[in-house]
mmCIF file of all heavy atoms, coordinates in Angstrom:
data_MODEL
# 
_entry.id   MODEL 
# 
loop_
_atom_site.group_PDB 
_atom_site.id 
_atom_site.type_symbol 
_atom_site.label_atom_id 
_atom_site.label_alt_id 
_atom_site.label_comp_id 
_atom_site.label_asym_id 
_atom_site.label_entity_id 
_atom_site.label_seq_id 
_atom_site.pdbx_PDB_ins_code 
_atom_site.Cartn_x 
_atom_site.Cartn_y 
_atom_site.Cartn_z 
_atom_site.occupancy 
_atom_site.B_iso_or_equiv 
_atom_site.pdbx_formal_charge 
_atom_site.auth_seq_id 
_atom_site.auth_comp_id 
_atom_site.auth_asym_id 
_atom_site.auth_atom_id 
_atom_site.pdbx_PDB_model_num 
ATOM 1   N N   . MET A 1 1  ? 73.895  87.128  113.292 1.00 0.00 ? 1  MET A N   1 
ATOM 2   C CA  . MET A 1 1  ? 74.964  86.230  112.869 1.00 0.00 ? 1  MET A CA  1 
ATOM 3   C C   . MET A 1 1  ? 74.972  86.046  111.360 1.00 0.00 ? 1  MET A C   1 
ATOM 4   O O   . MET A 1 1  ? 76.015  85.964  110.715 1.00 0.00 ? 1  MET A O   1 
ATOM 5   C CB  . MET A 1 1  ? 74.841  84.885  113.586 1.00 0.00 ? 1  MET A CB  1 
ATOM 6   C CG  . MET A 1 1  ? 75.255  84.883  115.028 1.00 0.00 ? 1  MET A CG  1 
ATOM 7   S SD  . MET A 1 1  ? 76.925  85.539  115.308 1.00 0.00 ? 1  MET A SD  1 
ATOM 8   C CE  . MET A 1 1  ? 77.938  84.403  114.409 1.00 0.00 ? 1  MET A CE  1 
ATOM 9   N N   . GLN A 1 2  ? 73.771  86.063  110.765 1.00 0.00 ? 2  GLN A N   1 
ATOM 10  C CA  . GLN A 1 2  ? 73.694  85.921  109.304 1.00 0.00 ? 2  GLN A CA  1 
ATOM 11  C C   . GLN A 1 2  ? 74.344  87.113  108.613 1.00 0.00 ? 2  GLN A C   1 
ATOM 12  O O   . GLN A 1 2  ? 75.061  86.996  107.634 1.00 0.00 ? 2  GLN A O   1 
ATOM 13  C CB  . GLN A 1 2  ? 72.234  85.773  108.862 1.00 0.00 ? 2  GLN A CB  1 
ATOM 14  C CG  . GLN A 1 2  ? 72.075  85.560  107.366 1.00 0.00 ? 2  GLN A CG  1 
ATOM 15  C CD  . GLN A 1 2  ? 72.774  84.263  106.887 1.00 0.00 ? 2  GLN A CD  1 
ATOM 16  O OE1 . GLN A 1 2  ? 72.595  83.228  107.477 1.00 0.00 ? 2  GLN A OE1 1 
ATOM 17  N NE2 . GLN A 1 2  ? 73.589  84.373  105.830 1.00 0.00 ? 2  GLN A NE2 1 
ATOM 18  N N   . GLU A 1 3  ? 74.084  88.336  109.117 1.00 0.00 ? 3  GLU A N   1 
ATOM 19  C CA  . GLU A 1 3  ? 74.725  89.518  108.551 1.00 0.00 ? 3  GLU A CA  1 
ATOM 20  C C   . GLU A 1 3  ? 76.227  89.457  108.685 1.00 0.00 ? 3  GLU A C   1 
ATOM 21  O O   . GLU A 1 3  ? 76.952  89.832  107.753 1.00 0.00 ? 3  GLU A O   1 
ATOM 22  C CB  . GLU A 1 3  ? 74.175  90.786  109.224 1.00 0.00 ? 3  GLU A CB  1 
ATOM 23  C CG  . GLU A 1 3  ? 72.725  91.071  108.891 1.00 0.00 ? 3  GLU A CG  1 
ATOM 24  C CD  . GLU A 1 3  ? 72.133  92.200  109.713 1.00 0.00 ? 3  GLU A CD  1 
ATOM 25  O OE1 . GLU A 1 3  ? 72.478  92.312  110.904 1.00 0.00 ? 3  GLU A OE1 1 
ATOM 26  O OE2 . GLU A 1 3  ? 71.319  92.966  109.158 1.00 0.00 ? 3  GLU A OE2 1 
ATOM 27  N N   . ILE A 1 4  ? 76.703  89.020  109.802 1.00 0.00 ? 4  ILE A N   1 
ATOM 28  C CA  . ILE A 1 4  ? 78.164  88.904  110.024 1.00 0.00 ? 4  ILE A CA  1 
ATOM 29  C C   . ILE A 1 4  ? 78.770  87.886  109.052 1.00 0.00 ? 4  ILE A C   1 
ATOM 30  O O   . ILE A 1 4  ? 79.780  88.140  108.416 1.00 0.00 ? 4  ILE A O   1 
ATOM 31  C CB  . ILE A 1 4  ? 78.495  88.558  111.482 1.00 0.00 ? 4  ILE A CB  1 
ATOM 32  C CG1 . ILE A 1 4  ? 78.110  89.709  112.390 1.00 0.00 ? 4  ILE A CG1 1 
ATOM 33  C CG2 . ILE A 1 4  ? 79.959  88.193  111.656 1.00 0.00 ? 4  ILE A CG2 1 
ATOM 34  C CD1 . ILE A 1 4  ? 78.183  89.430  113.873 1.00 0.00 ? 4  ILE A CD1 1 
ATOM 35  N N   . ASP A 1 5  ? 78.101  86.751  108.939 1.00 0.00 ? 5  ASP A N   1 
ATOM 36  C CA  . ASP A 1 5  ? 78.582  85.691  108.013 1.00 0.00 ? 5  ASP A CA  1 
ATOM 37  C C   . ASP A 1 5  ? 78.611  86.238  106.578 1.00 0.00 ? 5  ASP A C   1 
ATOM 38  O O   . ASP A 1 5  ? 79.561  85.980  105.835 1.00 0.00 ? 5  ASP A O   1 
ATOM 39  C CB  . ASP A 1 5  ? 77.695  84.476  108.062 1.00 0.00 ? 5  ASP A CB  1 
ATOM 40  C CG  . ASP A 1 5  ? 77.884  83.649  109.333 1.00 0.00 ? 5  ASP A CG  1 
ATOM 41  O OD1 . ASP A 1 5  ? 78.964  83.824  109.990 1.00 0.00 ? 5  ASP A OD1 1 
ATOM 42  O OD2 . ASP A 1 5  ? 77.007  82.849  109.671 1.00 0.00 ? 5  ASP A OD2 1 
ATOM 43  N N   . ASP A 1 6  ? 77.568  86.960  106.182 1.00 0.00 ? 6  ASP A N   1 
ATOM 44  C CA  . ASP A 1 6  ? 77.492  87.526  104.820 1.00 0.00 ? 6  ASP A CA  1 
ATOM 45  C C   . ASP A 1 6  ? 78.640  88.536  104.602 1.00 0.00 ? 6  ASP A C   1 
ATOM 46  O O   . ASP A 1 6  ? 79.284  88.523  103.528 1.00 0.00 ? 6  ASP A O   1 
ATOM 47  C CB  . ASP A 1 6  ? 76.155  88.189  104.575 1.00 0.00 ? 6  ASP A CB  1 
ATOM 48  C CG  . ASP A 1 6  ? 75.018  87.215  104.504 1.00 0.00 ? 6  ASP A CG  1 
ATOM 49  O OD1 . ASP A 1 6  ? 75.276  85.986  104.341 1.00 0.00 ? 6  ASP A OD1 1 
ATOM 50  O OD2 . ASP A 1 6  ? 73.850  87.653  104.611 1.00 0.00 ? 6  ASP A OD2 1 
ATOM 51  N N   . MET A 1 7  ? 78.911  89.368  105.584 1.00 0.00 ? 7  MET A N   1 
ATOM 52  C CA  . MET A 1 7  ? 80.002  90.368  105.459 1.00 0.00 ? 7  MET A CA  1 
ATOM 53  C C   . MET A 1 7  ? 81.338  89.667  105.373 1.00 0.00 ? 7  MET A C   1 
ATOM 54  O O   . MET A 1 7  ? 82.227  90.098  104.571 1.00 0.00 ? 7  MET A O   1 
ATOM 55  C CB  . MET A 1 7  ? 79.967  91.341  106.621 1.00 0.00 ? 7  MET A CB  1 
ATOM 56  C CG  . MET A 1 7  ? 78.848  92.338  106.556 1.00 0.00 ? 7  MET A CG  1 
ATOM 57  S SD  . MET A 1 7  ? 78.894  93.605  107.868 1.00 0.00 ? 7  MET A SD  1 
ATOM 58  C CE  . MET A 1 7  ? 78.373  92.687  109.290 1.00 0.00 ? 7  MET A CE  1 
ATOM 59  N N   . LEU A 1 8  ? 81.534  88.607  106.152 1.00 0.00 ? 8  LEU A N   1 
ATOM 60  C CA  . LEU A 1 8  ? 82.795  87.872  106.082 1.00 0.00 ? 8  LEU A CA  1 
ATOM 61  C C   . LEU A 1 8  ? 82.961  87.181  104.750 1.00 0.00 ? 8  LEU A C   1 
ATOM 62  O O   . LEU A 1 8  ? 84.058  87.209  104.155 1.00 0.00 ? 8  LEU A O   1 
ATOM 63  C CB  . LEU A 1 8  ? 82.869  86.836  107.208 1.00 0.00 ? 8  LEU A CB  1 
ATOM 64  C CG  . LEU A 1 8  ? 83.107  87.410  108.610 1.00 0.00 ? 8  LEU A CG  1 
ATOM 65  C CD1 . LEU A 1 8  ? 82.941  86.297  109.660 1.00 0.00 ? 8  LEU A CD1 1 
ATOM 66  C CD2 . LEU A 1 8  ? 84.501  88.038  108.681 1.00 0.00 ? 8  LEU A CD2 1 
ATOM 67  N N   . ASP A 1 9  ? 81.889  86.589  104.230 1.00 0.00 ? 9  ASP A N   1 
ATOM 68  C CA  . ASP A 1 9  ? 81.961  85.946  102.915 1.00 0.00 ? 9  ASP A CA  1 
ATOM 69  C C   . ASP A 1 9  ? 82.322  86.975  101.822 1.00 0.00 ? 9  ASP A C   1 
ATOM 70  O O   . ASP A 1 9  ? 83.124  86.724  100.966 1.00 0.00 ? 9  ASP A O   1 
ATOM 71  C CB  . ASP A 1 9  ? 80.610  85.298  102.568 1.00 0.00 ? 9  ASP A CB  1 
ATOM 72  C CG  . ASP A 1 9  ? 80.354  84.053  103.406 1.00 0.00 ? 9  ASP A CG  1 
ATOM 73  O OD1 . ASP A 1 9  ? 81.304  83.511  103.998 1.00 0.00 ? 9  ASP A OD1 1 
ATOM 74  O OD2 . ASP A 1 9  ? 79.174  83.639  103.457 1.00 0.00 ? 9  ASP A OD2 1 
ATOM 75  N N   . GLU A 1 10 ? 81.699  88.155  101.905 1.00 0.00 ? 10 GLU A N   1 
ATOM 76  C CA  . GLU A 1 10 ? 81.979  89.209  100.928 1.00 0.00 ? 10 GLU A CA  1 
ATOM 77  C C   . GLU A 1 10 ? 83.409  89.662  101.020 1.00 0.00 ? 10 GLU A C   1 
ATOM 78  O O   . GLU A 1 10 ? 84.116  89.836  100.009 1.00 0.00 ? 10 GLU A O   1 
ATOM 79  C CB  . GLU A 1 10 ? 81.032  90.370  101.182 1.00 0.00 ? 10 GLU A CB  1 
ATOM 80  C CG  . GLU A 1 10 ? 81.130  91.487  100.169 1.00 0.00 ? 10 GLU A CG  1 
ATOM 81  C CD  . GLU A 1 10 ? 80.119  92.598  100.487 1.00 0.00 ? 10 GLU A CD  1 
ATOM 82  O OE1 . GLU A 1 10 ? 78.988  92.271  100.852 1.00 0.00 ? 10 GLU A OE1 1 
ATOM 83  O OE2 . GLU A 1 10 ? 80.522  93.783  100.337 1.00 0.00 ? 10 GLU A OE2 1 
ATOM 84  N N   . ALA A 1 11 ? 83.939  89.833  102.251 1.00 0.00 ? 11 ALA A N   1 
ATOM 85  C CA  . ALA A 1 11 ? 85.333  90.274  102.463 1.00 0.00 ? 11 ALA A CA  1 
ATOM 86  C C   . ALA A 1 11 ? 86.316  89.200  101.964 1.00 0.00 ? 11 ALA A C   1 
ATOM 87  O O   . ALA A 1 11 ? 87.311  89.543  101.325 1.00 0.00 ? 11 ALA A O   1 
ATOM 88  C CB  . ALA A 1 11 ? 85.575  90.555  103.911 1.00 0.00 ? 11 ALA A CB  1 
ATOM 89  N N   . GLU A 1 12 ? 86.038  87.934  102.210 1.00 0.00 ? 12 GLU A N   1 
ATOM 90  C CA  . GLU A 1 12 ? 86.914  86.866  101.740 1.00 0.00 ? 12 GLU A CA  1 
ATOM 91  C C   . GLU A 1 12 ? 86.944  86.787  100.203 1.00 0.00 ? 12 GLU A C   1 
ATOM 92  O O   . GLU A 1 12 ? 87.998  86.596  99.618  1.00 0.00 ? 12 GLU A O   1 
ATOM 93  C CB  . GLU A 1 12 ? 86.475  85.517  102.333 1.00 0.00 ? 12 GLU A CB  1 
ATOM 94  C CG  . GLU A 1 12 ? 86.751  85.411  103.811 1.00 0.00 ? 12 GLU A CG  1 
ATOM 95  C CD  . GLU A 1 12 ? 86.143  84.186  104.469 1.00 0.00 ? 12 GLU A CD  1 
ATOM 96  O OE1 . GLU A 1 12 ? 85.313  83.504  103.806 1.00 0.00 ? 12 GLU A OE1 1 
ATOM 97  O OE2 . GLU A 1 12 ? 86.460  83.927  105.634 1.00 0.00 ? 12 GLU A OE2 1 
ATOM 98  N N   . THR A 1 13 ? 85.806  86.994  99.599  1.00 0.00 ? 13 THR A N   1 
ATOM 99  C CA  . THR A 1 13 ? 85.733  86.986  98.138  1.00 0.00 ? 13 THR A CA  1 
ATOM 100 C C   . THR A 1 13 ? 86.546  88.166  97.561  1.00 0.00 ? 13 THR A C   1 
ATOM 101 O O   . THR A 1 13 ? 87.292  87.978  96.599  1.00 0.00 ? 13 THR A O   1 
ATOM 102 C CB  . THR A 1 13 ? 84.261  87.080  97.646  1.00 0.00 ? 13 THR A CB  1 
ATOM 103 O OG1 . THR A 1 13 ? 83.542  85.956  98.179  1.00 0.00 ? 13 THR A OG1 1 
ATOM 104 C CG2 . THR A 1 13 ? 84.160  87.073  96.164  1.00 0.00 ? 13 THR A CG2 1 
ATOM 105 N N   . ALA A 1 14 ? 86.398  89.307  98.163  1.00 0.00 ? 14 ALA A N   1 
ATOM 106 C CA  . ALA A 1 14 ? 87.162  90.487  97.685  1.00 0.00 ? 14 ALA A CA  1 
ATOM 107 C C   . ALA A 1 14 ? 88.650  90.262  97.891  1.00 0.00 ? 14 ALA A C   1 
ATOM 108 O O   . ALA A 1 14 ? 89.460  90.598  97.024  1.00 0.00 ? 14 ALA A O   1 
ATOM 109 C CB  . ALA A 1 14 ? 86.695  91.742  98.433  1.00 0.00 ? 14 ALA A CB  1 
ATOM 110 N N   . PHE A 1 15 ? 89.034  89.668  99.021  1.00 0.00 ? 15 PHE A N   1 
ATOM 111 C CA  . PHE A 1 15 ? 90.467  89.423  99.303  1.00 0.00 ? 15 PHE A CA  1 
ATOM 112 C C   . PHE A 1 15 ? 91.023  88.459  98.247  1.00 0.00 ? 15 PHE A C   1 
ATOM 113 O O   . PHE A 1 15 ? 92.126  88.678  97.719  1.00 0.00 ? 15 PHE A O   1 
ATOM 114 C CB  . PHE A 1 15 ? 90.648  88.871  100.688 1.00 0.00 ? 15 PHE A CB  1 
ATOM 115 C CG  . PHE A 1 15 ? 92.050  88.602  101.050 1.00 0.00 ? 15 PHE A CG  1 
ATOM 116 C CD1 . PHE A 1 15 ? 92.898  89.639  101.436 1.00 0.00 ? 15 PHE A CD1 1 
ATOM 117 C CD2 . PHE A 1 15 ? 92.587  87.334  101.005 1.00 0.00 ? 15 PHE A CD2 1 
ATOM 118 C CE1 . PHE A 1 15 ? 94.224  89.415  101.769 1.00 0.00 ? 15 PHE A CE1 1 
ATOM 119 C CE2 . PHE A 1 15 ? 93.903  87.070  101.326 1.00 0.00 ? 15 PHE A CE2 1 
ATOM 120 C CZ  . PHE A 1 15 ? 94.731  88.126  101.708 1.00 0.00 ? 15 PHE A CZ  1 
ATOM 121 N N   . GLU A 1 16 ? 90.289  87.395  97.969  1.00 0.00 ? 16 GLU A N   1 
ATOM 122 C CA  . GLU A 1 16 ? 90.765  86.410  96.962  1.00 0.00 ? 16 GLU A CA  1 
ATOM 123 C C   . GLU A 1 16 ? 90.897  87.036  95.594  1.00 0.00 ? 16 GLU A C   1 
ATOM 124 O O   . GLU A 1 16 ? 91.713  86.634  94.797  1.00 0.00 ? 16 GLU A O   1 
ATOM 125 C CB  . GLU A 1 16 ? 89.817  85.200  96.945  1.00 0.00 ? 16 GLU A CB  1 
ATOM 126 C CG  . GLU A 1 16 ? 89.933  84.331  98.182  1.00 0.00 ? 16 GLU A CG  1 
ATOM 127 C CD  . GLU A 1 16 ? 88.842  83.267  98.270  1.00 0.00 ? 16 GLU A CD  1 
ATOM 128 O OE1 . GLU A 1 16 ? 87.980  83.211  97.359  1.00 0.00 ? 16 GLU A OE1 1 
ATOM 129 O OE2 . GLU A 1 16 ? 88.844  82.551  99.273  1.00 0.00 ? 16 GLU A OE2 1 
ATOM 130 N N   . ALA A 1 17 ? 90.106  88.060  95.305  1.00 0.00 ? 17 ALA A N   1 
ATOM 131 C CA  . ALA A 1 17 ? 90.162  88.758  94.016  1.00 0.00 ? 17 ALA A CA  1 
ATOM 132 C C   . ALA A 1 17 ? 91.223  89.845  94.033  1.00 0.00 ? 17 ALA A C   1 
ATOM 133 O O   . ALA A 1 17 ? 91.395  90.539  93.028  1.00 0.00 ? 17 ALA A O   1 
ATOM 134 C CB  . ALA A 1 17 ? 88.789  89.381  93.701  1.00 0.00 ? 17 ALA A CB  1 
ATOM 135 N N   . GLY A 1 18 ? 91.956  89.965  95.107  1.00 0.00 ? 18 GLY A N   1 
ATOM 136 C CA  . GLY A 1 18 ? 92.999  90.969  95.198  1.00 0.00 ? 18 GLY A CA  1 
ATOM 137 C C   . GLY A 1 18 ? 92.526  92.366  95.542  1.00 0.00 ? 18 GLY A C   1 
ATOM 138 O O   . GLY A 1 18 ? 93.269  93.346  95.363  1.00 0.00 ? 18 GLY A O   1 
ATOM 139 N N   . GLU A 1 19 ? 91.296  92.467  96.020  1.00 0.00 ? 19 GLU A N   1 
ATOM 140 C CA  . GLU A 1 19 ? 90.730  93.761  96.353  1.00 0.00 ? 19 GLU A CA  1 
ATOM 141 C C   . GLU A 1 19 ? 90.906  94.032  97.850  1.00 0.00 ? 19 GLU A C   1 
ATOM 142 O O   . GLU A 1 19 ? 90.009  93.725  98.654  1.00 0.00 ? 19 GLU A O   1 
ATOM 143 C CB  . GLU A 1 19 ? 89.255  93.799  95.987  1.00 0.00 ? 19 GLU A CB  1 
ATOM 144 C CG  . GLU A 1 19 ? 89.011  93.568  94.503  1.00 0.00 ? 19 GLU A CG  1 
ATOM 145 C CD  . GLU A 1 19 ? 87.544  93.311  94.181  1.00 0.00 ? 19 GLU A CD  1 
ATOM 146 O OE1 . GLU A 1 19 ? 86.705  93.394  95.109  1.00 0.00 ? 19 GLU A OE1 1 
ATOM 147 O OE2 . GLU A 1 19 ? 87.254  93.057  93.013  1.00 0.00 ? 19 GLU A OE2 1 
ATOM 148 N N   . TYR A 1 20 ? 92.025  94.560  98.195  1.00 0.00 ? 20 TYR A N   1 
ATOM 149 C CA  . TYR A 1 20 ? 92.279  94.880  99.605  1.00 0.00 ? 20 TYR A CA  1 
ATOM 150 C C   . TYR A 1 20 ? 93.328  95.989  99.688  1.00 0.00 ? 20 TYR A C   1 
ATOM 151 O O   . TYR A 1 20 ? 93.970  96.326  98.726  1.00 0.00 ? 20 TYR A O   1 
ATOM 152 C CB  . TYR A 1 20 ? 92.764  93.648  100.367 1.00 0.00 ? 20 TYR A CB  1 
ATOM 153 C CG  . TYR A 1 20 ? 94.014  93.032  99.804  1.00 0.00 ? 20 TYR A CG  1 
ATOM 154 C CD1 . TYR A 1 20 ? 95.260  93.454  100.175 1.00 0.00 ? 20 TYR A CD1 1 
ATOM 155 C CD2 . TYR A 1 20 ? 93.913  92.001  98.872  1.00 0.00 ? 20 TYR A CD2 1 
ATOM 156 C CE1 . TYR A 1 20 ? 96.386  92.877  99.648  1.00 0.00 ? 20 TYR A CE1 1 
ATOM 157 C CE2 . TYR A 1 20 ? 95.043  91.418  98.319  1.00 0.00 ? 20 TYR A CE2 1 
ATOM 158 C CZ  . TYR A 1 20 ? 96.283  91.845  98.710  1.00 0.00 ? 20 TYR A CZ  1 
ATOM 159 O OH  . TYR A 1 20 ? 97.413  91.263  98.170  1.00 0.00 ? 20 TYR A OH  1 
ATOM 160 N N   . LEU A 1 21 ? 93.414  96.582  100.888 1.00 0.00 ? 21 LEU A N   1 
ATOM 161 C CA  . LEU A 1 21 ? 94.381  97.641  101.093 1.00 0.00 ? 21 LEU A CA  1 
ATOM 162 C C   . LEU A 1 21 ? 95.560  97.060  101.907 1.00 0.00 ? 21 LEU A C   1 
ATOM 163 O O   . LEU A 1 21 ? 95.377  96.207  102.760 1.00 0.00 ? 21 LEU A O   1 
ATOM 164 C CB  . LEU A 1 21 ? 93.747  98.770  101.926 1.00 0.00 ? 21 LEU A CB  1 
ATOM 165 C CG  . LEU A 1 21 ? 92.556  99.489  101.267 1.00 0.00 ? 21 LEU A CG  1 
ATOM 166 C CD1 . LEU A 1 21 ? 91.948  100.490 102.251 1.00 0.00 ? 21 LEU A CD1 1 
ATOM 167 C CD2 . LEU A 1 21 ? 92.955  100.171 100.006 1.00 0.00 ? 21 LEU A CD2 1 
ATOM 168 N N   . THR A 1 22 ? 96.731  97.608  101.644 1.00 0.00 ? 22 THR A N   1 
ATOM 169 C CA  . THR A 1 22 ? 97.909  97.237  102.454 1.00 0.00 ? 22 THR A CA  1 
ATOM 170 C C   . THR A 1 22 ? 97.824  97.953  103.787 1.00 0.00 ? 22 THR A C   1 
ATOM 171 O O   . THR A 1 22 ? 97.031  98.880  103.964 1.00 0.00 ? 22 THR A O   1 
ATOM 172 C CB  . THR A 1 22 ? 99.202  97.625  101.742 1.00 0.00 ? 22 THR A CB  1 
ATOM 173 O OG1 . THR A 1 22 ? 99.271  99.037  101.643 1.00 0.00 ? 22 THR A OG1 1 
ATOM 174 C CG2 . THR A 1 22 ? 99.290  96.975  100.327 1.00 0.00 ? 22 THR A CG2 1 
ATOM 175 N N   . ASN A 1 23 ? 98.677  97.589  104.746 1.00 0.00 ? 23 ASN A N   1 
ATOM 176 C CA  . ASN A 1 23 ? 98.708  98.264  106.016 1.00 0.00 ? 23 ASN A CA  1 
ATOM 177 C C   . ASN A 1 23 ? 99.008  99.739  105.846 1.00 0.00 ? 23 ASN A C   1 
ATOM 178 O O   . ASN A 1 23 ? 98.437  100.589 106.506 1.00 0.00 ? 23 ASN A O   1 
ATOM 179 C CB  . ASN A 1 23 ? 99.767  97.634  106.917 1.00 0.00 ? 23 ASN A CB  1 
ATOM 180 C CG  . ASN A 1 23 ? 99.337  96.276  107.426 1.00 0.00 ? 23 ASN A CG  1 
ATOM 181 O OD1 . ASN A 1 23 ? 98.168  95.929  107.375 1.00 0.00 ? 23 ASN A OD1 1 
ATOM 182 N ND2 . ASN A 1 23 ? 100.300 95.502  107.886 1.00 0.00 ? 23 ASN A ND2 1 
ATOM 183 N N   . ASP A 1 24 ? 99.945  100.056 104.930 1.00 0.00 ? 24 ASP A N   1 
ATOM 184 C CA  . ASP A 1 24 ? 100.302 101.460 104.693 1.00 0.00 ? 24 ASP A CA  1 
ATOM 185 C C   . ASP A 1 24 ? 99.101  102.223 104.140 1.00 0.00 ? 24 ASP A C   1 
ATOM 186 O O   . ASP A 1 24 ? 98.876  103.396 104.533 1.00 0.00 ? 24 ASP A O   1 
ATOM 187 C CB  . ASP A 1 24 ? 101.468 101.536 103.726 1.00 0.00 ? 24 ASP A CB  1 
ATOM 188 C CG  . ASP A 1 24 ? 102.778 101.077 104.350 1.00 0.00 ? 24 ASP A CG  1 
ATOM 189 O OD1 . ASP A 1 24 ? 102.871 101.063 105.607 1.00 0.00 ? 24 ASP A OD1 1 
ATOM 190 O OD2 . ASP A 1 24 ? 103.697 100.693 103.587 1.00 0.00 ? 24 ASP A OD2 1 
ATOM 191 N N   . GLU A 1 25 ? 98.344  101.620 103.261 1.00 0.00 ? 25 GLU A N   1 
ATOM 192 C CA  . GLU A 1 25 ? 97.192  102.304 102.703 1.00 0.00 ? 25 GLU A CA  1 
ATOM 193 C C   . GLU A 1 25 ? 96.105  102.548 103.759 1.00 0.00 ? 25 GLU A C   1 
ATOM 194 O O   . GLU A 1 25 ? 95.501  103.626 103.837 1.00 0.00 ? 25 GLU A O   1 
ATOM 195 C CB  . GLU A 1 25 ? 96.592  101.497 101.546 1.00 0.00 ? 25 GLU A CB  1 
ATOM 196 C CG  . GLU A 1 25 ? 97.484  101.470 100.313 1.00 0.00 ? 25 GLU A CG  1 
ATOM 197 C CD  . GLU A 1 25 ? 97.009  100.455 99.280  1.00 0.00 ? 25 GLU A CD  1 
ATOM 198 O OE1 . GLU A 1 25 ? 96.490  99.376  99.680  1.00 0.00 ? 25 GLU A OE1 1 
ATOM 199 O OE2 . GLU A 1 25 ? 97.181  100.742 98.080  1.00 0.00 ? 25 GLU A OE2 1 
ATOM 200 N N   . VAL A 1 26 ? 95.884  101.560 104.633 1.00 0.00 ? 26 VAL A N   1 
ATOM 201 C CA  . VAL A 1 26 ? 94.908  101.718 105.724 1.00 0.00 ? 26 VAL A CA  1 
ATOM 202 C C   . VAL A 1 26 ? 95.355  102.825 106.654 1.00 0.00 ? 26 VAL A C   1 
ATOM 203 O O   . VAL A 1 26 ? 94.564  103.681 107.045 1.00 0.00 ? 26 VAL A O   1 
ATOM 204 C CB  . VAL A 1 26 ? 94.733  100.377 106.490 1.00 0.00 ? 26 VAL A CB  1 
ATOM 205 C CG1 . VAL A 1 26 ? 93.901  100.592 107.757 1.00 0.00 ? 26 VAL A CG1 1 
ATOM 206 C CG2 . VAL A 1 26 ? 94.112  99.324  105.613 1.00 0.00 ? 26 VAL A CG2 1 
ATOM 207 N N   . PHE A 1 27 ? 96.637  102.846 106.992 1.00 0.00 ? 27 PHE A N   1 
ATOM 208 C CA  . PHE A 1 27 ? 97.171  103.867 107.885 1.00 0.00 ? 27 PHE A CA  1 
ATOM 209 C C   . PHE A 1 27 ? 96.966  105.251 107.240 1.00 0.00 ? 27 PHE A C   1 
ATOM 210 O O   . PHE A 1 27 ? 96.520  106.194 107.928 1.00 0.00 ? 27 PHE A O   1 
ATOM 211 C CB  . PHE A 1 27 ? 98.656  103.636 108.159 1.00 0.00 ? 27 PHE A CB  1 
ATOM 212 C CG  . PHE A 1 27 ? 99.283  104.687 109.035 1.00 0.00 ? 27 PHE A CG  1 
ATOM 213 C CD1 . PHE A 1 27 ? 99.049  104.706 110.391 1.00 0.00 ? 27 PHE A CD1 1 
ATOM 214 C CD2 . PHE A 1 27 ? 100.052 105.670 108.488 1.00 0.00 ? 27 PHE A CD2 1 
ATOM 215 C CE1 . PHE A 1 27 ? 99.601  105.666 111.197 1.00 0.00 ? 27 PHE A CE1 1 
ATOM 216 C CE2 . PHE A 1 27 ? 100.638 106.673 109.300 1.00 0.00 ? 27 PHE A CE2 1 
ATOM 217 C CZ  . PHE A 1 27 ? 100.401 106.649 110.657 1.00 0.00 ? 27 PHE A CZ  1 
ATOM 218 N N   . HIS A 1 28 ? 97.250  105.393 105.972 1.00 0.00 ? 28 HIS A N   1 
ATOM 219 C CA  . HIS A 1 28 ? 97.113  106.651 105.283 1.00 0.00 ? 28 HIS A CA  1 
ATOM 220 C C   . HIS A 1 28 ? 95.638  107.121 105.263 1.00 0.00 ? 28 HIS A C   1 
ATOM 221 O O   . HIS A 1 28 ? 95.347  108.260 105.593 1.00 0.00 ? 28 HIS A O   1 
ATOM 222 C CB  . HIS A 1 28 ? 97.637  106.529 103.832 1.00 0.00 ? 28 HIS A CB  1 
ATOM 223 C CG  . HIS A 1 28 ? 97.468  107.764 103.019 1.00 0.00 ? 28 HIS A CG  1 
ATOM 224 N ND1 . HIS A 1 28 ? 98.237  108.906 103.207 1.00 0.00 ? 28 HIS A ND1 1 
ATOM 225 C CD2 . HIS A 1 28 ? 96.598  108.086 102.027 1.00 0.00 ? 28 HIS A CD2 1 
ATOM 226 C CE1 . HIS A 1 28 ? 97.865  109.831 102.365 1.00 0.00 ? 28 HIS A CE1 1 
ATOM 227 N NE2 . HIS A 1 28 ? 96.868  109.363 101.619 1.00 0.00 ? 28 HIS A NE2 1 
ATOM 228 N N   . HIS A 1 29 ? 94.743  106.218 104.957 1.00 0.00 ? 29 HIS A N   1 
ATOM 229 C CA  . HIS A 1 29 ? 93.297  106.565 104.931 1.00 0.00 ? 29 HIS A CA  1 
ATOM 230 C C   . HIS A 1 29 ? 92.795  106.921 106.322 1.00 0.00 ? 29 HIS A C   1 
ATOM 231 O O   . HIS A 1 29 ? 92.022  107.882 106.485 1.00 0.00 ? 29 HIS A O   1 
ATOM 232 C CB  . HIS A 1 29 ? 92.453  105.418 104.360 1.00 0.00 ? 29 HIS A CB  1 
ATOM 233 C CG  . HIS A 1 29 ? 92.632  105.209 102.893 1.00 0.00 ? 29 HIS A CG  1 
ATOM 234 N ND1 . HIS A 1 29 ? 92.226  106.123 101.957 1.00 0.00 ? 29 HIS A ND1 1 
ATOM 235 C CD2 . HIS A 1 29 ? 93.147  104.145 102.186 1.00 0.00 ? 29 HIS A CD2 1 
ATOM 236 C CE1 . HIS A 1 29 ? 92.495  105.678 100.735 1.00 0.00 ? 29 HIS A CE1 1 
ATOM 237 N NE2 . HIS A 1 29 ? 93.060  104.497 100.868 1.00 0.00 ? 29 HIS A NE2 1 
# 
């Protein structure tokens, strides 16, 4: 659970910083 919480915190921080892929980019990759 700690690892999952850490990964979620990291993903939320990246999202707030604008570091994410759009649906089209995910589909393409």
